[in-house]
C-alpha atoms as a PDB file:
ATOM      1  CA  MET A   1      12.240 -54.983  33.238  1.00  0.00           C
ATOM      2  CA  PRO A   2      14.557 -58.076  33.084  1.00  0.00           C
ATOM      3  CA  ALA A   3      15.548 -60.103  35.814  1.00  0.00           C
ATOM      4  CA  TRP A   4      19.325 -59.627  35.417  1.00  0.00           C
ATOM      5  CA  SER A   5      21.731 -56.799  34.136  1.00  0.00           C
ATOM      6  CA  PRO A   6      23.891 -57.810  30.967  1.00  0.00           C
ATOM      7  CA  ILE A   7      27.621 -57.145  31.516  1.00  0.00           C
ATOM      8  CA  LEU A   8      28.585 -58.479  28.279  1.00  0.00           C
ATOM      9  CA  ILE A   9      26.364 -59.429  25.302  1.00  0.00           C
ATOM     10  CA  GLN A  10      27.313 -60.580  21.954  1.00  0.00           C
ATOM     11  CA  LYS A  11      24.332 -61.652  19.695  1.00  0.00           C
ATOM     12  CA  ILE A  12      26.996 -63.505  17.175  1.00  0.00           C
ATOM     13  CA  GLU A  13      26.562 -66.943  14.886  1.00  0.00           C
ATOM     14  CA  ILE A  14      29.446 -69.268  14.781  1.00  0.00           C
ATOM     15  CA  HIS A  15      28.967 -72.135  12.712  1.00  0.00           C
ATOM     16  CA  ALA A  16      31.509 -75.046  12.794  1.00  0.00           C
ATOM     17  CA  LEU A  17      30.704 -78.731  12.379  1.00  0.00           C
ATOM     18  CA  GLY A  18      26.909 -78.403  12.895  1.00  0.00           C
ATOM     19  CA  PHE A  19      27.374 -76.431  16.226  1.00  0.00           C
ATOM     20  CA  VAL A  20      25.894 -72.835  16.115  1.00  0.00           C
ATOM     21  CA  LEU A  21      26.472 -70.153  18.668  1.00  0.00           C
ATOM     22  CA  ARG A  22      23.772 -67.799  18.833  1.00  0.00           C
ATOM     23  CA  LYS A  23      24.784 -65.499  21.823  1.00  0.00           C
ATOM     24  CA  LEU A  24      27.342 -65.005  24.585  1.00  0.00           C
ATOM     25  CA  GLN A  25      26.186 -63.167  27.596  1.00  0.00           C
ATOM     26  CA  LEU A  26      27.364 -62.376  31.037  1.00  0.00           C
ATOM     27  CA  ASN A  27      24.229 -61.504  33.247  1.00  0.00           C
ATOM     28  CA  ARG A  28      24.199 -60.011  36.874  1.00  0.00           C
ATOM     29  CA  HIS A  29      21.063 -61.317  38.558  1.00  0.00           C
ATOM     30  CA  ARG A  30      18.809 -58.416  39.723  1.00  0.00           C
ATOM     31  CA  ASP A  31      15.773 -59.801  40.936  1.00  0.00           C
ATOM     32  CA  THR A  32      15.502 -62.307  43.758  1.00  0.00           C
ATOM     33  CA  GLU A  33      13.897 -65.042  41.587  1.00  0.00           C
ATOM     34  CA  VAL A  34      13.597 -65.838  37.677  1.00  0.00           C
ATOM     35  CA  SER A  35      10.304 -67.501  37.285  1.00  0.00           C
ATOM     36  CA  THR A  36      10.178 -70.815  35.323  1.00  0.00           C
ATOM     37  CA  HIS A  37      10.977 -70.747  31.560  1.00  0.00           C
ATOM     38  CA  ARG A  38      11.711 -72.458  28.425  1.00  0.00           C
ATOM     39  CA  HIS A  39      14.076 -71.670  25.074  1.00  0.00           C
ATOM     40  CA  ASP A  40      13.806 -73.224  21.466  1.00  0.00           C
ATOM     41  CA  TYR A  41      17.486 -73.752  21.967  1.00  0.00           C
ATOM     42  CA  THR A  42      19.994 -75.204  24.336  1.00  0.00           C
ATOM     43  CA  GLN A  43      21.304 -73.114  27.018  1.00  0.00           C
ATOM     44  CA  LEU A  44      24.599 -73.224  29.030  1.00  0.00           C
ATOM     45  CA  ILE A  45      24.683 -71.195  32.242  1.00  0.00           C
ATOM     46  CA  LEU A  46      27.772 -71.121  34.106  1.00  0.00           C
ATOM     47  CA  PHE A  47      28.220 -69.467  37.542  1.00  0.00           C
ATOM     48  CA  LEU A  48      31.163 -67.229  37.537  1.00  0.00           C
ATOM     49  CA  THR A  49      30.448 -65.374  41.176  1.00  0.00           C
ATOM     50  CA  GLY A  50      27.806 -65.457  43.739  1.00  0.00           C
ATOM     51  CA  GLU A  51      25.694 -68.407  44.498  1.00  0.00           C
ATOM     52  CA  GLY A  52      21.656 -69.157  44.370  1.00  0.00           C
ATOM     53  CA  LEU A  53      19.465 -71.949  43.877  1.00  0.00           C
ATOM     54  CA  GLN A  54      19.098 -73.319  40.200  1.00  0.00           C
ATOM     55  CA  THR A  55      16.230 -75.078  39.159  1.00  0.00           C
ATOM     56  CA  VAL A  56      16.454 -77.657  36.084  1.00  0.00           C
ATOM     57  CA  ASN A  57      13.197 -79.605  35.200  1.00  0.00           C
ATOM     58  CA  ARG A  58      12.085 -79.303  38.643  1.00  0.00           C
ATOM     59  CA  ARG A  59      15.085 -80.185  40.530  1.00  0.00           C
ATOM     60  CA  GLN A  60      16.782 -77.664  42.290  1.00  0.00           C
ATOM     61  CA  ARG A  61      20.545 -77.440  43.182  1.00  0.00           C
ATOM     62  CA  HIS A  62      22.696 -74.992  45.058  1.00  0.00           C
ATOM     63  CA  ALA A  63      24.970 -73.321  42.795  1.00  0.00           C
ATOM     64  CA  HIS A  64      28.276 -71.898  43.430  1.00  0.00           C
ATOM     65  CA  PRO A  65      30.925 -70.330  41.271  1.00  0.00           C
ATOM     66  CA  GLY A  66      32.012 -73.241  38.782  1.00  0.00           C
ATOM     67  CA  ASP A  67      28.788 -74.756  38.622  1.00  0.00           C
ATOM     68  CA  LEU A  68      27.899 -75.285  34.913  1.00  0.00           C
ATOM     69  CA  PHE A  69      24.430 -76.380  33.694  1.00  0.00           C
ATOM     70  CA  ILE A  70      23.674 -77.341  30.161  1.00  0.00           C
ATOM     71  CA  ILE A  71      19.693 -77.201  29.655  1.00  0.00           C
ATOM     72  CA  PRO A  72      17.868 -78.779  26.284  1.00  0.00           C
ATOM     73  CA  ALA A  73      15.745 -76.977  24.321  1.00  0.00           C
ATOM     74  CA  GLY A  74      12.180 -76.980  25.907  1.00  0.00           C
ATOM     75  CA  THR A  75      13.466 -77.923  29.466  1.00  0.00           C
ATOM     76  CA  PRO A  76      11.793 -75.749  32.285  1.00  0.00           C
ATOM     77  CA  HIS A  77      14.448 -73.741  34.304  1.00  0.00           C
ATOM     78  CA  GLY A  78      14.501 -70.865  36.866  1.00  0.00           C
ATOM     79  CA  PHE A  79      16.576 -69.282  39.580  1.00  0.00           C
ATOM     80  CA  THR A  80      16.253 -68.007  43.171  1.00  0.00           C
ATOM     81  CA  ALA A  81      18.869 -65.947  45.077  1.00  0.00           C
ATOM     82  CA  LEU A  82      20.195 -66.474  48.270  1.00  0.00           C
ATOM     83  CA  GLU A  83      19.959 -63.646  50.625  1.00  0.00           C
ATOM     84  CA  THR A  84      21.775 -60.723  49.003  1.00  0.00           C
ATOM     85  CA  SER A  85      23.717 -62.682  46.499  1.00  0.00           C
ATOM     86  CA  ARG A  86      23.545 -61.586  43.066  1.00  0.00           C
ATOM     87  CA  PRO A  87      25.551 -63.859  40.900  1.00  0.00           C
ATOM     88  CA  VAL A  88      27.212 -63.213  37.656  1.00  0.00           C
ATOM     89  CA  CYS A  89      26.574 -66.228  35.155  1.00  0.00           C
ATOM     90  CA  LEU A  90      28.000 -66.864  31.653  1.00  0.00           C
ATOM     91  CA  VAL A  91      25.338 -67.829  29.197  1.00  0.00           C
ATOM     92  CA  LEU A  92      25.652 -69.201  26.022  1.00  0.00           C
ATOM     93  CA  ASP A  93      22.764 -70.118  23.635  1.00  0.00           C
ATOM     94  CA  TYR A  94      23.435 -72.460  21.173  1.00  0.00           C
ATOM     95  CA  GLU A  95      22.172 -75.142  18.907  1.00  0.00           C
ATOM     96  CA  VAL A  96      23.632 -78.743  17.277  1.00  0.00           C
ATOM     97  CA  LYS A  97      22.418 -79.590  13.942  1.00  0.00           C
ATOM     98  CA  ASP A  98      21.997 -83.117  12.936  1.00  0.00           C
ATOM     99  CA  SER A  99      23.018 -84.735  16.516  1.00  0.00           C
ATOM    100  CA  PRO A 100      20.873 -86.409  19.407  1.00  0.00           C
ATOM    101  CA  LYS A 101      19.128 -83.889  21.797  1.00  0.00           C
ATOM    102  CA  PRO A 102      21.766 -82.966  24.396  1.00  0.00           C
ATOM    103  CA  ARG A 103      20.632 -84.431  27.892  1.00  0.00           C
ATOM    104  CA  THR A 104      20.397 -82.087  31.009  1.00  0.00           C
ATOM    105  CA  LEU A 105      23.892 -81.880  32.594  1.00  0.00           C
ATOM    106  CA  HIS A 106      25.425 -80.688  35.487  1.00  0.00           C
ATOM    107  CA  ARG A 107      28.943 -80.460  36.311  1.00  0.00           C
ATOM    108  CA  ARG A 108      31.575 -78.527  38.550  1.00  0.00           C
ATOM    109  CA  LEU A 109      34.529 -77.006  36.965  1.00  0.00           C
ATOM    110  CA  PRO A 110      37.764 -76.856  38.665  1.00  0.00           C
ATOM    111  CA  PRO A 111      39.033 -73.452  39.960  1.00  0.00           C
ATOM    112  CA  GLU A 112      41.903 -73.375  37.590  1.00  0.00           C
ATOM    113  CA  THR A 113      39.542 -73.784  34.255  1.00  0.00           C
ATOM    114  CA  LEU A 114      37.221 -70.884  36.235  1.00  0.00           C
ATOM    115  CA  HIS A 115      40.218 -68.901  36.457  1.00  0.00           C
ATOM    116  CA  GLU A 116      41.249 -69.271  32.798  1.00  0.00           C
ATOM    117  CA  LEU A 117      37.701 -68.664  31.842  1.00  0.00           C
ATOM    118  CA  HIS A 118      37.614 -65.636  33.466  1.00  0.00           C
ATOM    119  CA  GLY A 119      40.718 -64.201  31.635  1.00  0.00           C
ATOM    120  CA  LEU A 120      39.309 -65.170  28.325  1.00  0.00           C
ATOM    121  CA  LEU A 121      36.125 -63.471  28.996  1.00  0.00           C
ATOM    122  CA  ALA A 122      37.921 -60.233  29.846  1.00  0.00           C
ATOM    123  CA  GLN A 123      39.279 -60.022  26.652  1.00  0.00           C
ATOM    124  CA  VAL A 124      35.991 -60.060  24.852  1.00  0.00           C
ATOM    125  CA  PRO A 125      34.539 -56.523  24.140  1.00  0.00           C
ATOM    126  CA  PRO A 126      31.393 -55.981  26.230  1.00  0.00           C
ATOM    127  CA  LYS A 127      29.312 -54.576  23.189  1.00  0.00           C
ATOM    128  CA  GLY A 128      30.032 -53.352  19.638  1.00  0.00           C
ATOM    129  CA  ARG A 129      31.234 -54.930  16.456  1.00  0.00           C
ATOM    130  CA  LEU A 130      33.678 -57.603  16.794  1.00  0.00           C
ATOM    131  CA  THR A 131      37.013 -57.994  15.116  1.00  0.00           C
ATOM    132  CA  LEU A 132      38.615 -61.007  13.545  1.00  0.00           C
ATOM    133  CA  ALA A 133      40.805 -61.123  16.906  1.00  0.00           C
ATOM    134  CA  ASP A 134      38.048 -61.188  19.349  1.00  0.00           C
ATOM    135  CA  TYR A 135      36.474 -64.337  17.901  1.00  0.00           C
ATOM    136  CA  ALA A 136      40.006 -66.236  19.494  1.00  0.00           C
ATOM    137  CA  PRO A 137      38.895 -65.880  23.118  1.00  0.00           C
ATOM    138  CA  ILE A 138      35.112 -66.513  22.188  1.00  0.00           C
ATOM    139  CA  LEU A 139      36.123 -69.747  20.483  1.00  0.00           C
ATOM    140  CA  ALA A 140      38.631 -70.681  23.343  1.00  0.00           C
ATOM    141  CA  VAL A 141      35.650 -70.257  25.859  1.00  0.00           C
ATOM    142  CA  ILE A 142      33.522 -72.367  23.905  1.00  0.00           C
ATOM    143  CA  ALA A 143      36.086 -74.990  23.513  1.00  0.00           C
ATOM    144  CA  ARG A 144      36.755 -75.012  27.402  1.00  0.00           C
ATOM    145  CA  LEU A 145      33.009 -75.610  28.133  1.00  0.00           C
ATOM    146  CA  LEU A 146      31.780 -77.950  25.428  1.00  0.00           C
ATOM    147  CA  GLY A 147      35.165 -79.384  24.417  1.00  0.00           C
ATOM    148  CA  HIS A 148      34.255 -82.501  25.850  1.00  0.00           C
ATOM    149  CA  SER A 149      30.927 -82.892  24.188  1.00  0.00           C
ATOM    150  CA  PRO A 150      27.944 -80.940  23.738  1.00  0.00           C
ATOM    151  CA  VAL A 151      25.875 -84.117  24.044  1.00  0.00           C
ATOM    152  CA  ALA A 152      27.735 -85.295  27.173  1.00  0.00           C
ATOM    153  CA  PRO A 153      25.785 -88.195  29.108  1.00  0.00           C
ATOM    154  CA  THR A 154      24.429 -87.229  32.457  1.00  0.00           C
ATOM    155  CA  PRO A 155      27.050 -88.295  35.244  1.00  0.00           C
ATOM    156  CA  PRO A 156      26.561 -91.243  37.292  1.00  0.00           C
ATOM    157  CA  PRO A 157      24.684 -90.729  40.118  1.00  0.00           C
ATOM    158  CA  ALA A 158      26.032 -89.576  43.435  1.00  0.00           C
ATOM    159  CA  PRO A 159      26.307 -91.994  46.593  1.00  0.00           C
ATOM    160  CA  GLN A 160      23.238 -91.713  48.559  1.00  0.00           C
ATOM    161  CA  LEU A 161      22.831 -88.510  50.278  1.00  0.00           C
ATOM    162  CA  PHE A 162      21.956 -90.063  53.609  1.00  0.00           C
ATOM    163  CA  GLU A 163      25.256 -91.700  53.955  1.00  0.00           C
ATOM    164  CA  LYS A 164      26.806 -88.570  53.254  1.00  0.00           C
ATOM    165  CA  VAL A 165      24.982 -86.684  55.871  1.00  0.00           C
ATOM    166  CA  ARG A 166      24.593 -89.070  58.711  1.00  0.00           C
ATOM    167  CA  PRO A 167      28.163 -88.478  60.069  1.00  0.00           C
ATOM    168  CA  LEU A 168      27.492 -84.945  60.589  1.00  0.00           C
ATOM    169  CA  LEU A 169      24.407 -85.359  62.244  1.00  0.00           C
ATOM    170  CA  ASN A 170      25.319 -86.815  65.910  1.00  0.00           C
ATOM    171  CA  ALA A 171      27.442 -83.634  66.745  1.00  0.00           C
ATOM    172  CA  THR A 172      26.257 -80.200  68.051  1.00  0.00           C
ATOM    173  CA  THR A 173      27.136 -78.867  64.584  1.00  0.00           C
ATOM    174  CA  ALA A 174      23.976 -76.566  63.273  1.00  0.00           C
ATOM    175  CA  LEU A 175      21.688 -77.743  60.578  1.00  0.00           C
ATOM    176  CA  SER A 176      22.872 -75.046  58.269  1.00  0.00           C
ATOM    177  CA  GLU A 177      26.621 -75.925  58.904  1.00  0.00           C
ATOM    178  CA  VAL A 178      25.516 -79.570  57.895  1.00  0.00           C
ATOM    179  CA  ALA A 179      24.108 -78.374  54.817  1.00  0.00           C
ATOM    180  CA  ARG A 180      26.964 -76.094  53.866  1.00  0.00           C
ATOM    181  CA  GLN A 181      29.203 -78.967  54.405  1.00  0.00           C
ATOM    182  CA  THR A 182      27.361 -81.262  52.153  1.00  0.00           C
ATOM    183  CA  GLY A 183      26.984 -78.552  49.284  1.00  0.00           C
ATOM    184  CA  TYR A 184      23.428 -77.781  49.766  1.00  0.00           C
ATOM    185  CA  HIS A 185      21.017 -74.949  50.820  1.00  0.00           C
ATOM    186  CA  PRO A 186      19.319 -76.166  53.992  1.00  0.00           C
ATOM    187  CA  ASP A 187      15.670 -76.288  52.578  1.00  0.00           C
ATOM    188  CA  HIS A 188      17.085 -78.197  49.214  1.00  0.00           C
ATOM    189  CA  LEU A 189      18.809 -80.714  51.472  1.00  0.00           C
ATOM    190  CA  THR A 190      15.647 -81.343  53.734  1.00  0.00           C
ATOM    191  CA  ARG A 191      13.784 -82.026  50.332  1.00  0.00           C
ATOM    192  CA  ARG A 192      16.572 -84.351  48.962  1.00  0.00           C
ATOM    193  CA  LEU A 193      16.600 -86.400  52.175  1.00  0.00           C
ATOM    194  CA  LYS A 194      12.656 -86.406  52.263  1.00  0.00           C
ATOM    195  CA  HIS A 195      12.773 -88.027  48.837  1.00  0.00           C
ATOM    196  CA  GLU A 196      15.281 -90.803  49.799  1.00  0.00           C
ATOM    197  CA  THR A 197      14.564 -91.249  53.289  1.00  0.00           C
ATOM    198  CA  GLY A 198      11.052 -90.047  54.007  1.00  0.00           C
ATOM    199  CA  LEU A 199      12.603 -87.765  56.514  1.00  0.00           C
ATOM    200  CA  GLY A 200      13.892 -84.063  56.560  1.00  0.00           C
ATOM    201  CA  LEU A 201      16.943 -82.882  58.140  1.00  0.00           C
ATOM    202  CA  ARG A 202      16.163 -82.116  61.427  1.00  0.00           C
ATOM    203  CA  ALA A 203      13.626 -84.957  62.003  1.00  0.00           C
ATOM    204  CA  MET A 204      16.682 -87.305  60.863  1.00  0.00           C
ATOM    205  CA  ARG A 205      18.803 -85.951  63.165  1.00  0.00           C
ATOM    206  CA  ASN A 206      16.363 -86.361  66.151  1.00  0.00           C
ATOM    207  CA  ARG A 207      16.310 -89.993  65.027  1.00  0.00           C
ATOM    208  CA  LEU A 208      20.072 -90.300  65.148  1.00  0.00           C
ATOM    209  CA  ARG A 209      20.380 -88.765  68.514  1.00  0.00           C
ATOM    210  CA  LEU A 210      17.600 -90.693  70.049  1.00  0.00           C
ATOM    211  CA  ALA A 211      18.942 -93.892  68.691  1.00  0.00           C
ATOM    212  CA  SER A 212      22.363 -92.891  70.636  1.00  0.00           C
ATOM    213  CA  ALA A 213      20.342 -91.773  73.497  1.00  0.00           C
ATOM    214  CA  GLN A 214      18.541 -95.067  74.098  1.00  0.00           C
ATOM    215  CA  ARG A 215      21.664 -96.982  73.425  1.00  0.00           C
ATOM    216  CA  ALA A 216      23.348 -95.310  76.112  1.00  0.00           C
ATOM    217  CA  LEU A 217      20.619 -95.443  78.661  1.00  0.00           C
ATOM    218  CA  ARG A 218      20.484 -99.283  77.905  1.00  0.00           C
ATOM    219  CA  GLU A 219      23.955 -99.412  78.934  1.00  0.00           C
ATOM    220  CA  GLU A 220      23.266 -97.707  82.267  1.00  0.00           C
ATOM    221  CA  ALA A 221      24.915 -94.793  81.392  1.00  0.00           C
ATOM    222  CA  SER A 222      23.944 -91.605  83.658  1.00  0.00           C
ATOM    223  CA  ILE A 223      21.653 -89.077  82.109  1.00  0.00           C
ATOM    224  CA  ALA A 224      24.479 -86.452  81.798  1.00  0.00           C
ATOM    225  CA  GLU A 225      26.377 -88.809  79.836  1.00  0.00           C
ATOM    226  CA  ALA A 226      23.491 -89.945  77.824  1.00  0.00           C
ATOM    227  CA  SER A 227      23.202 -86.357  77.115  1.00  0.00           C
ATOM    228  CA  VAL A 228      26.744 -85.991  75.652  1.00  0.00           C
ATOM    229  CA  ARG A 229      26.324 -89.053  73.511  1.00  0.00           C
ATOM    230  CA  ALA A 230      23.300 -87.736  71.855  1.00  0.00           C
ATOM    231  CA  GLY A 231      24.894 -84.150  71.354  1.00  0.00           C
ATOM    232  CA  PHE A 232      23.597 -82.052  73.882  1.00  0.00           C
ATOM    233  CA  GLU A 233      25.276 -80.115  76.053  1.00  0.00           C
ATOM    234  CA  ASP A 234      22.349 -79.408  78.385  1.00  0.00           C
ATOM    235  CA  PRO A 235      21.104 -82.581  80.249  1.00  0.00           C
ATOM    236  CA  ASN A 236      17.822 -80.853  81.405  1.00  0.00           C
ATOM    237  CA  TYR A 237      17.097 -79.663  77.842  1.00  0.00           C
ATOM    238  CA  PHE A 238      17.969 -83.157  76.890  1.00  0.00           C
ATOM    239  CA  ALA A 239      15.465 -84.473  79.521  1.00  0.00           C
ATOM    240  CA  ARG A 240      12.905 -82.443  78.093  1.00  0.00           C
ATOM    241  CA  TRP A 241      13.722 -83.241  74.422  1.00  0.00           C
ATOM    242  CA  PHE A 242      13.649 -87.071  75.147  1.00  0.00           C
ATOM    243  CA  ARG A 243      10.121 -86.923  76.796  1.00  0.00           C
ATOM    244  CA  ARG A 244       9.084 -84.908  73.525  1.00  0.00           C
ATOM    245  CA  GLN A 245      10.250 -87.647  71.557  1.00  0.00           C
ATOM    246  CA  THR A 246       9.180 -90.708  73.502  1.00  0.00           C
ATOM    247  CA  GLY A 247       6.626 -89.666  75.841  1.00  0.00           C
ATOM    248  CA  ARG A 248       8.667 -90.930  78.915  1.00  0.00           C
ATOM    249  CA  SER A 249      11.737 -89.340  80.831  1.00  0.00           C
ATOM    250  CA  PRO A 250      15.233 -90.758  80.123  1.00  0.00           C
ATOM    251  CA  SER A 251      15.320 -91.933  83.634  1.00  0.00           C
ATOM    252  CA  ALA A 252      11.852 -93.913  83.095  1.00  0.00           C
ATOM    253  CA  PHE A 253      13.489 -95.231  79.939  1.00  0.00           C
ATOM    254  CA  ARG A 254      16.505 -96.528  81.453  1.00  0.00           C
ATOM    255  CA  ASP A 255      14.745 -98.279  84.470  1.00  0.00           C
ATOM    256  CA  LYS A 256      12.296-100.081  81.984  1.00  0.00           C
ATOM    257  CA  ASN A 257      14.906-101.149  79.800  1.00  0.00           C
END
């Protein structure tokens, strides 16, 4: 049984300037996971509703509505659902003749473009024989998604993830909320941070909190004040945490330093 339920499927071929559209389909994910697989054609996946973890060539991203992925032929990819979310995705299977092999691409469409695509897709018959008039919204969808270039280069790398996460970690914000504010699933964020810094999300916050606490204690702050600076509400819990991190109590550290 397929891991998705087709809502709209049109197996058509449109040829234009070396571009061949093989299929346009809307899929609602039914299973919680689609195992890694490959195709002998380029595939475009656009998340229209819901969210999940989209894996492309071993790289995993937390995908939301508007996230677009171009996956070249032969590239391994898969999907993992988050909780009860069953996203709806637009899928285009296509080929580009006599052109360099397209690169893997990920970008986020603005809300106004996503809204426009919803309107165009509503004009496409879910099944059955297409009329000439039905091709207009299909071509418009292709133009919106691939008009810039189906072989667009990979966008420049984002700033270091650590610098984006660091300002959020000294507060009492839950780690799940830190991940949400940076646009990642917590497990994915931890893997990215480990790759970049060698430390996961919780270990990084502990290190930053410990540095704040030690700085406060060197300035002869009280245990309660050091606790607040490190992002703890309960000084007793802070003292136990500090001992686990350093092997000494906060007061012993302060006296020695």
